[in-house]
Amino acid sequence: MRRSADWLGHALGEYEHFYNEHRAHQALDQAAPRRAVPIPIAEPARIIDLNIR
């Protein structure tokens, strides 16, 4: 039974990593869960490249 619990823990960890590591989340202000929210640029002179479509 212990082996099944180890496998389940590994599988759930892989699932969490795959679905949460790189995807943006609305609740986190479009940041990925394990990354810090970027500091907004408030000064227009600091904006180098703004690609709006």
N, C-alpha and C. Protein backbone atom coordinates (compact mmCIF):
# COMPACT_ATOMS: atom_id res chain seq x y z
N MET A 1 0.82 -1.20 0.00
CA MET A 1 0.00 0.00 0.00
C MET A 1 0.86 1.26 0.00
N ARG A 2 2.01 1.18 0.62
CA ARG A 2 2.89 2.35 0.69
C ARG A 2 3.35 2.79 -0.70
N ARG A 3 3.62 1.82 -1.55
CA ARG A 3 4.08 2.14 -2.90
C ARG A 3 3.00 2.90 -3.66
N SER A 4 1.76 2.53 -3.48
CA SER A 4 0.66 3.22 -4.14
C SER A 4 0.56 4.67 -3.67
N ALA A 5 0.76 4.89 -2.39
CA ALA A 5 0.72 6.24 -1.84
C ALA A 5 1.87 7.08 -2.39
N ASP A 6 3.05 6.48 -2.51
CA ASP A 6 4.19 7.19 -3.09
C ASP A 6 3.93 7.56 -4.54
N TRP A 7 3.37 6.60 -5.30
CA TRP A 7 3.06 6.86 -6.71
C TRP A 7 2.03 7.97 -6.84
N LEU A 8 1.00 7.92 -6.01
CA LEU A 8 -0.05 8.93 -6.06
C LEU A 8 0.52 10.31 -5.74
N GLY A 9 1.37 10.39 -4.73
CA GLY A 9 2.01 11.67 -4.40
C GLY A 9 2.84 12.20 -5.56
N HIS A 10 3.57 11.32 -6.21
CA HIS A 10 4.38 11.72 -7.36
C HIS A 10 3.48 12.19 -8.51
N ALA A 11 2.44 11.43 -8.80
CA ALA A 11 1.53 11.77 -9.90
C ALA A 11 0.85 13.11 -9.65
N LEU A 12 0.41 13.35 -8.43
CA LEU A 12 -0.24 14.62 -8.11
C LEU A 12 0.75 15.79 -8.19
N GLY A 13 1.99 15.55 -7.80
CA GLY A 13 3.01 16.58 -7.92
C GLY A 13 3.28 16.94 -9.38
N GLU A 14 3.34 15.93 -10.25
CA GLU A 14 3.53 16.18 -11.68
C GLU A 14 2.34 16.95 -12.26
N TYR A 15 1.13 16.58 -11.85
CA TYR A 15 -0.07 17.27 -12.31
C TYR A 15 -0.04 18.74 -11.89
N GLU A 16 0.27 18.97 -10.64
CA GLU A 16 0.33 20.35 -10.12
C GLU A 16 1.37 21.16 -10.89
N HIS A 17 2.53 20.59 -11.10
CA HIS A 17 3.59 21.30 -11.82
C HIS A 17 3.16 21.61 -13.25
N PHE A 18 2.59 20.64 -13.94
CA PHE A 18 2.22 20.82 -15.34
C PHE A 18 1.13 21.87 -15.51
N TYR A 19 0.11 21.84 -14.66
CA TYR A 19 -1.03 22.73 -14.84
C TYR A 19 -0.90 24.07 -14.14
N ASN A 20 0.05 24.24 -13.23
CA ASN A 20 0.13 25.50 -12.49
C ASN A 20 1.41 26.28 -12.67
N GLU A 21 2.46 25.67 -13.14
CA GLU A 21 3.76 26.33 -13.17
C GLU A 21 3.80 27.52 -14.13
N HIS A 22 3.26 27.38 -15.31
CA HIS A 22 3.44 28.40 -16.34
C HIS A 22 2.17 29.15 -16.71
N ARG A 23 1.04 28.72 -16.24
CA ARG A 23 -0.21 29.32 -16.67
C ARG A 23 -0.59 30.51 -15.80
N ALA A 24 -1.13 31.53 -16.43
CA ALA A 24 -1.57 32.71 -15.69
C ALA A 24 -2.90 32.42 -14.97
N HIS A 25 -3.10 33.08 -13.85
CA HIS A 25 -4.31 32.90 -13.06
C HIS A 25 -4.94 34.26 -12.77
N GLN A 26 -6.24 34.38 -13.00
CA GLN A 26 -6.93 35.64 -12.74
C GLN A 26 -6.84 36.04 -11.28
N ALA A 27 -6.94 35.10 -10.38
CA ALA A 27 -6.91 35.41 -8.95
C ALA A 27 -5.55 35.96 -8.52
N LEU A 28 -4.51 35.70 -9.30
CA LEU A 28 -3.16 36.17 -8.97
C LEU A 28 -2.76 37.32 -9.87
N ASP A 29 -3.72 38.06 -10.40
CA ASP A 29 -3.45 39.20 -11.27
C ASP A 29 -2.64 38.77 -12.48
N GLN A 30 -3.02 37.66 -13.07
CA GLN A 30 -2.42 37.07 -14.27
C GLN A 30 -0.98 36.61 -14.08
N ALA A 31 -0.56 36.37 -12.86
CA ALA A 31 0.78 35.84 -12.60
C ALA A 31 0.69 34.32 -12.45
N ALA A 32 1.77 33.65 -12.74
CA ALA A 32 1.84 32.22 -12.48
C ALA A 32 1.98 32.02 -10.97
N PRO A 33 1.49 30.93 -10.42
CA PRO A 33 1.43 30.76 -8.97
C PRO A 33 2.74 30.90 -8.22
N ARG A 34 3.84 30.40 -8.76
CA ARG A 34 5.08 30.42 -8.00
C ARG A 34 6.04 31.51 -8.45
N ARG A 35 5.53 32.48 -9.11
CA ARG A 35 6.35 33.61 -9.55
C ARG A 35 5.80 34.89 -8.95
N ALA A 36 6.67 35.82 -8.70
CA ALA A 36 6.23 37.10 -8.15
C ALA A 36 5.49 37.90 -9.22
N VAL A 37 4.54 38.70 -8.79
CA VAL A 37 3.85 39.59 -9.70
C VAL A 37 4.83 40.68 -10.12
N PRO A 38 4.96 40.94 -11.43
CA PRO A 38 5.91 41.96 -11.86
C PRO A 38 5.52 43.35 -11.38
N ILE A 39 6.52 44.16 -11.16
CA ILE A 39 6.29 45.55 -10.74
C ILE A 39 5.84 46.34 -11.96
N PRO A 40 4.70 47.03 -11.87
CA PRO A 40 4.23 47.78 -13.04
C PRO A 40 5.13 48.98 -13.34
N ILE A 41 5.21 49.32 -14.61
CA ILE A 41 5.99 50.49 -15.03
C ILE A 41 5.05 51.68 -15.02
N ALA A 42 5.33 52.67 -14.19
CA ALA A 42 4.48 53.85 -14.06
C ALA A 42 4.99 55.02 -14.89
N GLU A 43 6.25 54.99 -15.28
CA GLU A 43 6.83 56.10 -16.04
C GLU A 43 6.84 55.75 -17.53
N PRO A 44 6.15 56.52 -18.36
CA PRO A 44 6.11 56.23 -19.80
C PRO A 44 7.50 56.18 -20.44
N ALA A 45 8.46 56.92 -19.94
CA ALA A 45 9.81 56.93 -20.51
C ALA A 45 10.51 55.58 -20.35
N ARG A 46 10.10 54.78 -19.38
CA ARG A 46 10.73 53.48 -19.14
C ARG A 46 10.19 52.39 -20.07
N ILE A 47 9.09 52.66 -20.75
CA ILE A 47 8.51 51.68 -21.66
C ILE A 47 9.32 51.70 -22.95
N ILE A 48 9.97 50.58 -23.24
CA ILE A 48 10.85 50.50 -24.41
C ILE A 48 10.09 49.97 -25.62
N ASP A 49 9.36 48.90 -25.44
CA ASP A 49 8.67 48.27 -26.57
C ASP A 49 7.28 47.86 -26.11
N LEU A 50 6.28 48.49 -26.67
CA LEU A 50 4.90 48.18 -26.32
C LEU A 50 4.22 47.67 -27.59
N ASN A 51 3.96 46.39 -27.63
CA ASN A 51 3.40 45.75 -28.82
C ASN A 51 1.92 45.49 -28.59
N ILE A 52 1.07 46.39 -29.06
CA ILE A 52 -0.38 46.27 -28.91
C ILE A 52 -0.97 45.93 -30.26
N ARG A 53 -1.83 44.93 -30.27
CA ARG A 53 -2.45 44.53 -31.54
C ARG A 53 -3.89 44.91 -31.57
